[in-house]
Amino acid sequence: MENQLQGKPRILCLHGFRTSAEILKKLIGKWPETVLGRLDLVFLDAPFPARGKSDVEGLFDPPY
């Protein structure tokens, strides 16, 4: 337990509507290494895909 308190903060990263964990990971990956190196980022996908057109079509590959 004591080691967990001294480690990096774990951050749950939730993507937006009609996007994905992979898309969010690519976007956050552009942050400076001085920030990323201090965080334990966890990316999750929603359990069900959204239907309809995504605002990121043409910018990122599916699934959304």
C-alpha atoms as a PDB file:
ATOM      1  CA  MET A   1       0.000   0.000   0.000  1.00  0.00           C
ATOM      2  CA  GLU A   2       2.793   2.414   0.856  1.00  0.00           C
ATOM      3  CA  ASN A   3       4.432   1.913  -2.581  1.00  0.00           C
ATOM      4  CA  GLN A   4       1.163   2.851  -4.312  1.00  0.00           C
ATOM      5  CA  LEU A   5       1.112   6.194  -2.550  1.00  0.00           C
ATOM      6  CA  GLN A   6       4.589   7.038  -3.828  1.00  0.00           C
ATOM      7  CA  GLY A   7       3.943   5.985  -7.452  1.00  0.00           C
ATOM      8  CA  LYS A   8       2.496   7.904 -10.358  1.00  0.00           C
ATOM      9  CA  PRO A   9      -1.101   9.053 -10.074  1.00  0.00           C
ATOM     10  CA  ARG A  10      -3.387   6.762 -12.081  1.00  0.00           C
ATOM     11  CA  ILE A  11      -5.776   8.698 -14.314  1.00  0.00           C
ATOM     12  CA  LEU A  12      -8.806   7.123 -15.984  1.00  0.00           C
ATOM     13  CA  CYS A  13      -9.096   8.593 -19.501  1.00  0.00           C
ATOM     14  CA  LEU A  14     -12.611   8.360 -20.949  1.00  0.00           C
ATOM     15  CA  HIS A  15     -13.175   9.168 -24.604  1.00  0.00           C
ATOM     16  CA  GLY A  16     -16.014  11.294 -25.909  1.00  0.00           C
ATOM     17  CA  PHE A  17     -19.114  10.409 -27.926  1.00  0.00           C
ATOM     18  CA  ARG A  18     -18.404   8.524 -31.165  1.00  0.00           C
ATOM     19  CA  THR A  19     -14.656   8.334 -30.599  1.00  0.00           C
ATOM     20  CA  SER A  20     -12.472   5.637 -29.008  1.00  0.00           C
ATOM     21  CA  ALA A  21      -9.766   4.996 -26.448  1.00  0.00           C
ATOM     22  CA  GLU A  22      -7.234   4.708 -29.284  1.00  0.00           C
ATOM     23  CA  ILE A  23      -8.143   8.166 -30.609  1.00  0.00           C
ATOM     24  CA  LEU A  24      -7.882   9.711 -27.150  1.00  0.00           C
ATOM     25  CA  LYS A  25      -4.532   7.977 -26.611  1.00  0.00           C
ATOM     26  CA  LYS A  26      -3.198   9.520 -29.858  1.00  0.00           C
ATOM     27  CA  LEU A  27      -4.385  12.975 -28.846  1.00  0.00           C
ATOM     28  CA  ILE A  28      -3.014  12.813 -25.304  1.00  0.00           C
ATOM     29  CA  GLY A  29       0.214  11.319 -26.667  1.00  0.00           C
ATOM     30  CA  LYS A  30       1.002  14.799 -28.029  1.00  0.00           C
ATOM     31  CA  TRP A  31       1.334  16.162 -24.505  1.00  0.00           C
ATOM     32  CA  PRO A  32       4.891  16.921 -23.323  1.00  0.00           C
ATOM     33  CA  GLU A  33       6.858  13.948 -21.986  1.00  0.00           C
ATOM     34  CA  THR A  34       7.425  15.927 -18.784  1.00  0.00           C
ATOM     35  CA  VAL A  35       3.681  15.549 -18.143  1.00  0.00           C
ATOM     36  CA  LEU A  36       3.128  12.043 -19.555  1.00  0.00           C
ATOM     37  CA  GLY A  37       6.086  10.603 -17.649  1.00  0.00           C
ATOM     38  CA  ARG A  38       4.504  11.581 -14.335  1.00  0.00           C
ATOM     39  CA  LEU A  39       1.123   9.942 -14.936  1.00  0.00           C
ATOM     40  CA  ASP A  40      -0.195   6.396 -15.234  1.00  0.00           C
ATOM     41  CA  LEU A  41      -2.892   6.863 -17.884  1.00  0.00           C
ATOM     42  CA  VAL A  42      -5.563   4.167 -18.303  1.00  0.00           C
ATOM     43  CA  PHE A  43      -7.689   4.249 -21.484  1.00  0.00           C
ATOM     44  CA  LEU A  44     -10.996   2.408 -21.783  1.00  0.00           C
ATOM     45  CA  ASP A  45     -13.456   1.898 -24.631  1.00  0.00           C
ATOM     46  CA  ALA A  46     -17.184   2.076 -24.118  1.00  0.00           C
ATOM     47  CA  PRO A  47     -18.848  -1.362 -24.162  1.00  0.00           C
ATOM     48  CA  PHE A  48     -21.144  -0.533 -27.107  1.00  0.00           C
ATOM     49  CA  PRO A  49     -20.311   1.302 -30.350  1.00  0.00           C
ATOM     50  CA  ALA A  50     -22.323   4.433 -31.109  1.00  0.00           C
ATOM     51  CA  ARG A  51     -24.385   4.561 -34.277  1.00  0.00           C
ATOM     52  CA  GLY A  52     -24.359   7.399 -36.744  1.00  0.00           C
ATOM     53  CA  LYS A  53     -21.731   9.663 -38.197  1.00  0.00           C
ATOM     54  CA  SER A  54     -18.718  10.552 -36.071  1.00  0.00           C
ATOM     55  CA  ASP A  55     -17.180  14.020 -36.090  1.00  0.00           C
ATOM     56  CA  VAL A  56     -13.750  12.399 -36.373  1.00  0.00           C
ATOM     57  CA  GLU A  57     -14.468  10.417 -39.566  1.00  0.00           C
ATOM     58  CA  GLY A  58     -11.742  11.149 -42.077  1.00  0.00           C
ATOM     59  CA  LEU A  59      -9.349  12.183 -39.287  1.00  0.00           C
ATOM     60  CA  PHE A  60      -9.090   8.859 -37.442  1.00  0.00           C
ATOM     61  CA  ASP A  61      -9.756   5.255 -38.425  1.00  0.00           C
ATOM     62  CA  PRO A  62     -12.809   3.460 -37.015  1.00  0.00           C
ATOM     63  CA  PRO A  63     -14.128   1.958 -34.832  1.00  0.00           C
ATOM     64  CA  TYR A  64     -15.691   4.940 -33.122  1.00  0.00           C
END
